[in-house]
Amino acid sequence: MTTIYWGVDTCYSPQGIRADAPISILQKLFHERISKNLVEEINYNRCPAFAEELMNVYGIKSYHDYTLQFGKDNITSPDYTQEFYDKHFNIRSLKGNLFDWYQNFYFFTEEFSLEMSQLPAYMEDNSIVNNTIMVPGKIDIGKYFRGLQFAFHMKHNCNEIIFNRKEIYFYVKFHTKKKLRFKQFLWTPEISAMNNMMMSAKHGKYDFMNLDYYYNIFDRFNFKKKILKNIKENLCKEVKK
């Protein structure tokens, strides 16, 4: 059994305190699509190639309800304030059609090495999945502590996307065959300070560094031990299912 600690940067976005725990996509599909009366017709759950591909794949829901409307030369929202818009949405390139949605989910483990991919929610059917092209990525959450943002391109002829707190908008895949146990932690200013220091290593330079470069910095300053100590001191109560 491998423990995955997860949390949201509530110093940046206090509403993250209502974030839902990661949802097993295999269990979700069995519940929603492969019902007992359809099991003979929809039986891809019996295929080992399918089961192994979705092993330890989890869905992440937005903890905000938010609409973005895309015009020819500007992007607006009818929801909340300009301050909220500026804090949670970023236009990386209007010409390049590239944007960021910030909710800052974090996953971490005591394991020496455990790679985790951030992937499009390709088994879902909702506004975000149907109208965006998510930029994927992979990090080792045993060697690095880094938040996940949702970077995306808009699909052609789309002028609106809706983040819904009831819907999954991206997946995380943990590259292990071990069973996983998730434990939520409360974000603290101490974690923020260490995280900000680590992230600052990316700024103020022109050359490109690979992930091993950042893994080595993380290891050299013993951030893993310090962050794990803070996480364990601020674990949330487990929710009974």
C-alpha atoms as a PDB file:
ATOM      1  CA  MET A   1       0.000   0.000   0.000  1.00  0.00           C
ATOM      2  CA  THR A   2       1.332   3.418  -0.990  1.00  0.00           C
ATOM      3  CA  THR A   3       0.162   6.599   0.717  1.00  0.00           C
ATOM      4  CA  ILE A   4      -0.444   9.653  -1.442  1.00  0.00           C
ATOM      5  CA  TYR A   5      -0.694  12.921   0.460  1.00  0.00           C
ATOM      6  CA  TRP A   6      -2.810  15.496  -1.317  1.00  0.00           C
ATOM      7  CA  GLY A   7      -3.850  19.063  -0.661  1.00  0.00           C
ATOM      8  CA  VAL A   8      -4.663  22.439  -2.174  1.00  0.00           C
ATOM      9  CA  ASP A   9      -2.820  25.714  -1.683  1.00  0.00           C
ATOM     10  CA  THR A  10      -5.495  27.374   0.444  1.00  0.00           C
ATOM     11  CA  CYS A  11      -3.184  30.289   1.192  1.00  0.00           C
ATOM     12  CA  TYR A  12      -3.549  31.164  -2.493  1.00  0.00           C
ATOM     13  CA  SER A  13      -7.173  30.073  -2.884  1.00  0.00           C
ATOM     14  CA  PRO A  14      -9.072  29.571   0.417  1.00  0.00           C
ATOM     15  CA  GLN A  15     -11.995  27.959  -1.433  1.00  0.00           C
ATOM     16  CA  GLY A  16      -9.709  24.969  -1.964  1.00  0.00           C
ATOM     17  CA  ILE A  17     -10.848  23.762   1.447  1.00  0.00           C
ATOM     18  CA  ARG A  18     -13.939  22.350  -0.297  1.00  0.00           C
ATOM     19  CA  ALA A  19     -11.959  20.352  -2.882  1.00  0.00           C
ATOM     20  CA  ASP A  20     -13.141  16.770  -3.368  1.00  0.00           C
ATOM     21  CA  ALA A  21     -10.768  13.853  -2.957  1.00  0.00           C
ATOM     22  CA  PRO A  22      -9.447  12.170  -6.125  1.00  0.00           C
ATOM     23  CA  ILE A  23     -11.989   9.807  -7.697  1.00  0.00           C
ATOM     24  CA  SER A  24     -11.056   6.358  -9.014  1.00  0.00           C
ATOM     25  CA  ILE A  25     -11.950   6.362 -12.706  1.00  0.00           C
ATOM     26  CA  LEU A  26     -12.372   2.585 -12.843  1.00  0.00           C
ATOM     27  CA  GLN A  27     -14.865   2.669  -9.986  1.00  0.00           C
ATOM     28  CA  LYS A  28     -16.637   5.671 -11.502  1.00  0.00           C
ATOM     29  CA  LEU A  29     -17.036   3.918 -14.857  1.00  0.00           C
ATOM     30  CA  PHE A  30     -18.333   0.733 -13.249  1.00  0.00           C
ATOM     31  CA  HIS A  31     -20.887   2.757 -11.326  1.00  0.00           C
ATOM     32  CA  GLU A  32     -22.020   5.078 -14.116  1.00  0.00           C
ATOM     33  CA  ARG A  33     -21.591   3.233 -17.418  1.00  0.00           C
ATOM     34  CA  ILE A  34     -21.297  -0.487 -16.849  1.00  0.00           C
ATOM     35  CA  SER A  35     -24.477  -1.081 -14.911  1.00  0.00           C
ATOM     36  CA  LYS A  36     -25.747  -4.597 -14.177  1.00  0.00           C
ATOM     37  CA  ASN A  37     -28.316  -4.513 -16.976  1.00  0.00           C
ATOM     38  CA  LEU A  38     -25.647  -3.487 -19.512  1.00  0.00           C
ATOM     39  CA  VAL A  39     -22.747  -5.628 -18.389  1.00  0.00           C
ATOM     40  CA  GLU A  40     -23.180  -8.114 -21.257  1.00  0.00           C
ATOM     41  CA  GLU A  41     -23.263  -5.333 -23.863  1.00  0.00           C
ATOM     42  CA  ILE A  42     -20.659  -3.019 -22.317  1.00  0.00           C
ATOM     43  CA  ASN A  43     -18.025  -5.418 -21.095  1.00  0.00           C
ATOM     44  CA  TYR A  44     -14.719  -3.696 -21.786  1.00  0.00           C
ATOM     45  CA  ASN A  45     -14.136  -3.752 -18.027  1.00  0.00           C
ATOM     46  CA  ARG A  46     -13.166  -7.407 -18.536  1.00  0.00           C
ATOM     47  CA  CYS A  47     -10.352  -6.443 -20.898  1.00  0.00           C
ATOM     48  CA  PRO A  48      -6.968  -6.515 -19.111  1.00  0.00           C
ATOM     49  CA  ALA A  49      -5.545  -3.893 -21.490  1.00  0.00           C
ATOM     50  CA  PHE A  50      -8.311  -1.483 -20.433  1.00  0.00           C
ATOM     51  CA  ALA A  51      -8.061  -2.291 -16.721  1.00  0.00           C
ATOM     52  CA  GLU A  52      -4.289  -1.932 -16.626  1.00  0.00           C
ATOM     53  CA  GLU A  53      -4.373   1.383 -18.512  1.00  0.00           C
ATOM     54  CA  LEU A  54      -6.832   2.877 -16.020  1.00  0.00           C
ATOM     55  CA  MET A  55      -5.229   1.340 -12.939  1.00  0.00           C
ATOM     56  CA  ASN A  56      -4.506   4.140 -10.449  1.00  0.00           C
ATOM     57  CA  VAL A  57      -6.031   6.813 -12.666  1.00  0.00           C
ATOM     58  CA  TYR A  58      -8.006   9.370 -10.664  1.00  0.00           C
ATOM     59  CA  GLY A  59     -10.272  12.251 -11.591  1.00  0.00           C
ATOM     60  CA  ILE A  60      -9.990  15.765 -10.183  1.00  0.00           C
ATOM     61  CA  LYS A  61     -12.968  18.083  -9.862  1.00  0.00           C
ATOM     62  CA  SER A  62     -12.882  21.861  -9.897  1.00  0.00           C
ATOM     63  CA  TYR A  63     -13.710  23.442  -6.562  1.00  0.00           C
ATOM     64  CA  HIS A  64     -15.094  26.541  -8.301  1.00  0.00           C
ATOM     65  CA  ASP A  65     -18.088  27.022 -10.572  1.00  0.00           C
ATOM     66  CA  TYR A  66     -16.832  29.415 -13.221  1.00  0.00           C
ATOM     67  CA  THR A  67     -17.629  30.410 -16.801  1.00  0.00           C
ATOM     68  CA  LEU A  68     -15.122  31.842 -19.276  1.00  0.00           C
ATOM     69  CA  GLN A  69     -16.370  33.482 -22.469  1.00  0.00           C
ATOM     70  CA  PHE A  70     -13.944  33.776 -25.383  1.00  0.00           C
ATOM     71  CA  GLY A  71     -14.392  36.679 -27.787  1.00  0.00           C
ATOM     72  CA  LYS A  72     -12.285  37.575 -30.794  1.00  0.00           C
ATOM     73  CA  ASP A  73      -9.974  39.906 -28.889  1.00  0.00           C
ATOM     74  CA  ASN A  74     -10.836  39.405 -25.240  1.00  0.00           C
ATOM     75  CA  ILE A  75     -11.854  36.835 -22.640  1.00  0.00           C
ATOM     76  CA  THR A  76     -14.402  37.663 -19.963  1.00  0.00           C
ATOM     77  CA  SER A  77     -16.477  36.023 -17.263  1.00  0.00           C
ATOM     78  CA  PRO A  78     -19.929  36.847 -15.865  1.00  0.00           C
ATOM     79  CA  ASP A  79     -18.909  35.328 -12.520  1.00  0.00           C
ATOM     80  CA  TYR A  80     -17.403  36.879  -9.404  1.00  0.00           C
ATOM     81  CA  THR A  81     -14.896  39.733  -9.523  1.00  0.00           C
ATOM     82  CA  GLN A  82     -11.998  40.983 -11.611  1.00  0.00           C
ATOM     83  CA  GLU A  83      -9.709  40.063  -8.726  1.00  0.00           C
ATOM     84  CA  PHE A  84     -10.910  36.441  -8.914  1.00  0.00           C
ATOM     85  CA  TYR A  85     -10.397  36.413 -12.696  1.00  0.00           C
ATOM     86  CA  ASP A  86      -6.851  37.772 -12.411  1.00  0.00           C
ATOM     87  CA  LYS A  87      -5.952  35.298  -9.680  1.00  0.00           C
ATOM     88  CA  HIS A  88      -7.276  32.108 -11.238  1.00  0.00           C
ATOM     89  CA  PHE A  89      -7.048  32.644 -14.990  1.00  0.00           C
ATOM     90  CA  ASN A  90      -4.015  33.519 -17.086  1.00  0.00           C
ATOM     91  CA  ILE A  91      -3.621  34.265 -20.790  1.00  0.00           C
ATOM     92  CA  ARG A  92      -0.265  32.808 -21.756  1.00  0.00           C
ATOM     93  CA  SER A  93      -0.676  33.611 -25.440  1.00  0.00           C
ATOM     94  CA  LEU A  94      -3.772  35.014 -27.093  1.00  0.00           C
ATOM     95  CA  LYS A  95      -2.337  34.419 -30.574  1.00  0.00           C
ATOM     96  CA  GLY A  96      -1.133  30.974 -29.554  1.00  0.00           C
ATOM     97  CA  ASN A  97      -4.488  30.179 -27.959  1.00  0.00           C
ATOM     98  CA  LEU A  98      -2.875  29.028 -24.690  1.00  0.00           C
ATOM     99  CA  PHE A  99      -4.323  29.622 -21.218  1.00  0.00           C
ATOM    100  CA  ASP A 100      -3.979  28.586 -17.561  1.00  0.00           C
ATOM    101  CA  TRP A 101      -6.585  27.844 -14.908  1.00  0.00           C
ATOM    102  CA  TYR A 102      -5.084  27.911 -11.399  1.00  0.00           C
ATOM    103  CA  GLN A 103      -6.360  25.681  -8.609  1.00  0.00           C
ATOM    104  CA  ASN A 104      -3.015  24.381  -7.316  1.00  0.00           C
ATOM    105  CA  PHE A 105      -3.530  20.717  -6.403  1.00  0.00           C
ATOM    106  CA  TYR A 106      -0.498  19.017  -4.822  1.00  0.00           C
ATOM    107  CA  PHE A 107       0.365  15.322  -4.512  1.00  0.00           C
ATOM    108  CA  PHE A 108       3.320  13.944  -2.562  1.00  0.00           C
ATOM    109  CA  THR A 109       4.562  10.600  -1.250  1.00  0.00           C
ATOM    110  CA  GLU A 110       7.125   9.079   1.095  1.00  0.00           C
ATOM    111  CA  GLU A 111       8.124   6.635  -1.643  1.00  0.00           C
ATOM    112  CA  PHE A 112      11.618   7.284  -2.989  1.00  0.00           C
ATOM    113  CA  SER A 113      10.244   7.554  -6.520  1.00  0.00           C
ATOM    114  CA  LEU A 114       6.707   7.582  -7.924  1.00  0.00           C
ATOM    115  CA  GLU A 115       5.915   9.178 -11.254  1.00  0.00           C
ATOM    116  CA  MET A 116       2.551  10.861 -11.730  1.00  0.00           C
ATOM    117  CA  SER A 117       1.072  12.091 -15.009  1.00  0.00           C
ATOM    118  CA  GLN A 118      -1.469  14.863 -15.418  1.00  0.00           C
ATOM    119  CA  LEU A 119      -3.758  13.904 -18.291  1.00  0.00           C
ATOM    120  CA  PRO A 120      -6.871  15.081 -20.119  1.00  0.00           C
ATOM    121  CA  ALA A 121     -10.067  13.600 -18.702  1.00  0.00           C
ATOM    122  CA  TYR A 122     -10.597  11.489 -21.809  1.00  0.00           C
ATOM    123  CA  MET A 123     -13.412   9.326 -20.427  1.00  0.00           C
ATOM    124  CA  GLU A 124     -15.560  12.314 -19.378  1.00  0.00           C
ATOM    125  CA  ASP A 125     -18.237  14.291 -21.230  1.00  0.00           C
ATOM    126  CA  ASN A 126     -18.449  17.911 -20.098  1.00  0.00           C
ATOM    127  CA  SER A 127     -17.753  21.479 -21.157  1.00  0.00           C
ATOM    128  CA  ILE A 128     -14.054  21.454 -20.263  1.00  0.00           C
ATOM    129  CA  VAL A 129     -13.216  18.115 -21.883  1.00  0.00           C
ATOM    130  CA  ASN A 130     -15.250  18.803 -25.014  1.00  0.00           C
ATOM    131  CA  ASN A 131     -13.908  22.301 -25.652  1.00  0.00           C
ATOM    132  CA  THR A 132     -10.263  22.285 -24.591  1.00  0.00           C
ATOM    133  CA  ILE A 133      -6.999  20.540 -25.429  1.00  0.00           C
ATOM    134  CA  MET A 134      -5.155  20.053 -22.152  1.00  0.00           C
ATOM    135  CA  VAL A 135      -1.357  20.250 -22.003  1.00  0.00           C
ATOM    136  CA  PRO A 136      -0.210  17.045 -20.218  1.00  0.00           C
ATOM    137  CA  GLY A 137       2.843  16.529 -18.033  1.00  0.00           C
ATOM    138  CA  LYS A 138       4.636  14.103 -15.714  1.00  0.00           C
ATOM    139  CA  ILE A 139       6.646  14.587 -12.511  1.00  0.00           C
ATOM    140  CA  ASP A 140       8.078  12.330  -9.822  1.00  0.00           C
ATOM    141  CA  ILE A 141       6.120  13.084  -6.644  1.00  0.00           C
ATOM    142  CA  GLY A 142       8.687  11.208  -4.558  1.00  0.00           C
ATOM    143  CA  LYS A 143      11.386  13.640  -5.675  1.00  0.00           C
ATOM    144  CA  TYR A 144       9.533  16.918  -6.198  1.00  0.00           C
ATOM    145  CA  PHE A 145       6.717  18.981  -4.710  1.00  0.00           C
ATOM    146  CA  ARG A 146       4.897  20.999  -7.323  1.00  0.00           C
ATOM    147  CA  GLY A 147       1.359  22.228  -7.875  1.00  0.00           C
ATOM    148  CA  LEU A 148      -0.779  21.208 -10.842  1.00  0.00           C
ATOM    149  CA  GLN A 149      -2.348  23.876 -12.984  1.00  0.00           C
ATOM    150  CA  PHE A 150      -4.670  23.281 -15.905  1.00  0.00           C
ATOM    151  CA  ALA A 151      -2.925  24.541 -19.049  1.00  0.00           C
ATOM    152  CA  PHE A 152      -5.039  24.320 -22.198  1.00  0.00           C
ATOM    153  CA  HIS A 153      -5.750  25.381 -25.770  1.00  0.00           C
ATOM    154  CA  MET A 154      -9.303  26.181 -26.817  1.00  0.00           C
ATOM    155  CA  LYS A 155     -10.755  24.046 -29.573  1.00  0.00           C
ATOM    156  CA  HIS A 156     -11.858  25.705 -32.799  1.00  0.00           C
ATOM    157  CA  ASN A 157     -15.250  27.444 -32.904  1.00  0.00           C
ATOM    158  CA  CYS A 158     -15.636  27.352 -29.130  1.00  0.00           C
ATOM    159  CA  ASN A 159     -16.571  30.562 -27.349  1.00  0.00           C
ATOM    160  CA  GLU A 160     -17.360  29.383 -23.817  1.00  0.00           C
ATOM    161  CA  ILE A 161     -16.159  26.866 -21.227  1.00  0.00           C
ATOM    162  CA  ILE A 162     -17.718  26.103 -17.858  1.00  0.00           C
ATOM    163  CA  PHE A 163     -15.904  24.741 -14.816  1.00  0.00           C
ATOM    164  CA  ASN A 164     -18.411  22.815 -12.717  1.00  0.00           C
ATOM    165  CA  ARG A 165     -17.774  21.575  -9.176  1.00  0.00           C
ATOM    166  CA  LYS A 166     -19.683  18.374  -9.945  1.00  0.00           C
ATOM    167  CA  GLU A 167     -17.526  17.444 -12.936  1.00  0.00           C
ATOM    168  CA  ILE A 168     -14.021  16.047 -13.423  1.00  0.00           C
ATOM    169  CA  TYR A 169     -11.807  18.242 -15.562  1.00  0.00           C
ATOM    170  CA  PHE A 170      -8.490  16.387 -15.571  1.00  0.00           C
ATOM    171  CA  TYR A 171      -6.943  13.064 -14.557  1.00  0.00           C
ATOM    172  CA  VAL A 172      -3.863  12.106 -12.587  1.00  0.00           C
ATOM    173  CA  LYS A 173      -2.240   8.732 -13.201  1.00  0.00           C
ATOM    174  CA  PHE A 174       0.124   7.207 -10.642  1.00  0.00           C
ATOM    175  CA  HIS A 175       2.607   4.909 -12.366  1.00  0.00           C
ATOM    176  CA  THR A 176       2.561   2.047  -9.885  1.00  0.00           C
ATOM    177  CA  LYS A 177       0.656  -1.216  -9.504  1.00  0.00           C
ATOM    178  CA  LYS A 178       0.464  -0.853  -5.738  1.00  0.00           C
ATOM    179  CA  LYS A 179      -2.821  -0.012  -4.064  1.00  0.00           C
ATOM    180  CA  LEU A 180      -3.114   3.626  -3.108  1.00  0.00           C
ATOM    181  CA  ARG A 181      -4.368   5.306   0.033  1.00  0.00           C
ATOM    182  CA  PHE A 182      -5.041   9.057  -0.098  1.00  0.00           C
ATOM    183  CA  LYS A 183      -4.551  11.321   2.909  1.00  0.00           C
ATOM    184  CA  GLN A 184      -5.502  14.981   2.745  1.00  0.00           C
ATOM    185  CA  PHE A 185      -3.446  17.664   4.458  1.00  0.00           C
ATOM    186  CA  LEU A 186      -4.142  21.259   5.354  1.00  0.00           C
ATOM    187  CA  TRP A 187      -1.902  23.758   3.596  1.00  0.00           C
ATOM    188  CA  THR A 188       0.250  25.918   5.859  1.00  0.00           C
ATOM    189  CA  PRO A 189       2.352  29.090   5.507  1.00  0.00           C
ATOM    190  CA  GLU A 190       5.437  26.948   6.186  1.00  0.00           C
ATOM    191  CA  ILE A 191       4.655  24.761   3.170  1.00  0.00           C
ATOM    192  CA  SER A 192       4.074  27.914   1.109  1.00  0.00           C
ATOM    193  CA  ALA A 193       7.468  29.299   2.065  1.00  0.00           C
ATOM    194  CA  MET A 194       9.308  26.128   1.038  1.00  0.00           C
ATOM    195  CA  ASN A 195       7.261  25.736  -2.117  1.00  0.00           C
ATOM    196  CA  ASN A 196       7.846  29.361  -3.173  1.00  0.00           C
ATOM    197  CA  MET A 197      11.563  28.998  -2.600  1.00  0.00           C
ATOM    198  CA  MET A 198      11.694  25.875  -4.743  1.00  0.00           C
ATOM    199  CA  MET A 199       9.621  27.431  -7.527  1.00  0.00           C
ATOM    200  CA  SER A 200      11.865  30.489  -7.588  1.00  0.00           C
ATOM    201  CA  ALA A 201      14.632  28.257  -8.962  1.00  0.00           C
ATOM    202  CA  LYS A 202      12.808  28.350 -12.311  1.00  0.00           C
ATOM    203  CA  HIS A 203      12.881  32.131 -12.666  1.00  0.00           C
ATOM    204  CA  GLY A 204      15.485  34.683 -13.711  1.00  0.00           C
ATOM    205  CA  LYS A 205      17.335  32.499 -16.213  1.00  0.00           C
ATOM    206  CA  TYR A 206      17.192  31.895 -19.952  1.00  0.00           C
ATOM    207  CA  ASP A 207      18.425  28.326 -20.242  1.00  0.00           C
ATOM    208  CA  PHE A 208      16.197  25.253 -20.076  1.00  0.00           C
ATOM    209  CA  MET A 209      16.775  22.796 -17.234  1.00  0.00           C
ATOM    210  CA  ASN A 210      15.496  19.225 -17.172  1.00  0.00           C
ATOM    211  CA  LEU A 211      13.538  17.773 -14.257  1.00  0.00           C
ATOM    212  CA  ASP A 212      16.605  16.107 -12.751  1.00  0.00           C
ATOM    213  CA  TYR A 213      18.077  19.566 -12.206  1.00  0.00           C
ATOM    214  CA  TYR A 214      15.125  20.525  -9.984  1.00  0.00           C
ATOM    215  CA  TYR A 215      14.998  17.097  -8.334  1.00  0.00           C
ATOM    216  CA  ASN A 216      18.632  17.572  -7.282  1.00  0.00           C
ATOM    217  CA  ILE A 217      17.956  21.004  -5.774  1.00  0.00           C
ATOM    218  CA  PHE A 218      14.949  19.586  -3.927  1.00  0.00           C
ATOM    219  CA  ASP A 219      17.105  16.780  -2.549  1.00  0.00           C
ATOM    220  CA  ARG A 220      20.113  18.944  -1.682  1.00  0.00           C
ATOM    221  CA  PHE A 221      18.099  21.239   0.577  1.00  0.00           C
ATOM    222  CA  ASN A 222      16.290  18.288   2.169  1.00  0.00           C
ATOM    223  CA  PHE A 223      12.889  19.716   1.244  1.00  0.00           C
ATOM    224  CA  LYS A 224      11.256  16.288   1.222  1.00  0.00           C
ATOM    225  CA  LYS A 225      11.885  15.640   4.897  1.00  0.00           C
ATOM    226  CA  LYS A 226      10.787  19.166   5.866  1.00  0.00           C
ATOM    227  CA  ILE A 227       7.606  19.115   3.785  1.00  0.00           C
ATOM    228  CA  LEU A 228       6.599  15.612   4.915  1.00  0.00           C
ATOM    229  CA  LYS A 229       7.019  16.647   8.545  1.00  0.00           C
ATOM    230  CA  ASN A 230       4.722  19.624   7.995  1.00  0.00           C
ATOM    231  CA  ILE A 231       2.194  17.531   6.087  1.00  0.00           C
ATOM    232  CA  LYS A 232       1.994  14.862   8.797  1.00  0.00           C
ATOM    233  CA  GLU A 233       1.488  17.513  11.471  1.00  0.00           C
ATOM    234  CA  ASN A 234      -1.493  18.869   9.511  1.00  0.00           C
ATOM    235  CA  LEU A 235      -3.358  15.801   8.276  1.00  0.00           C
ATOM    236  CA  CYS A 236      -7.123  16.081   7.956  1.00  0.00           C
ATOM    237  CA  LYS A 237      -9.541  13.593   9.465  1.00  0.00           C
ATOM    238  CA  GLU A 238     -10.305  10.707   7.147  1.00  0.00           C
ATOM    239  CA  VAL A 239     -13.805  10.765   5.690  1.00  0.00           C
ATOM    240  CA  LYS A 240     -15.771   7.579   6.293  1.00  0.00           C
ATOM    241  CA  LYS A 241     -17.293   6.166   3.121  1.00  0.00           C
END
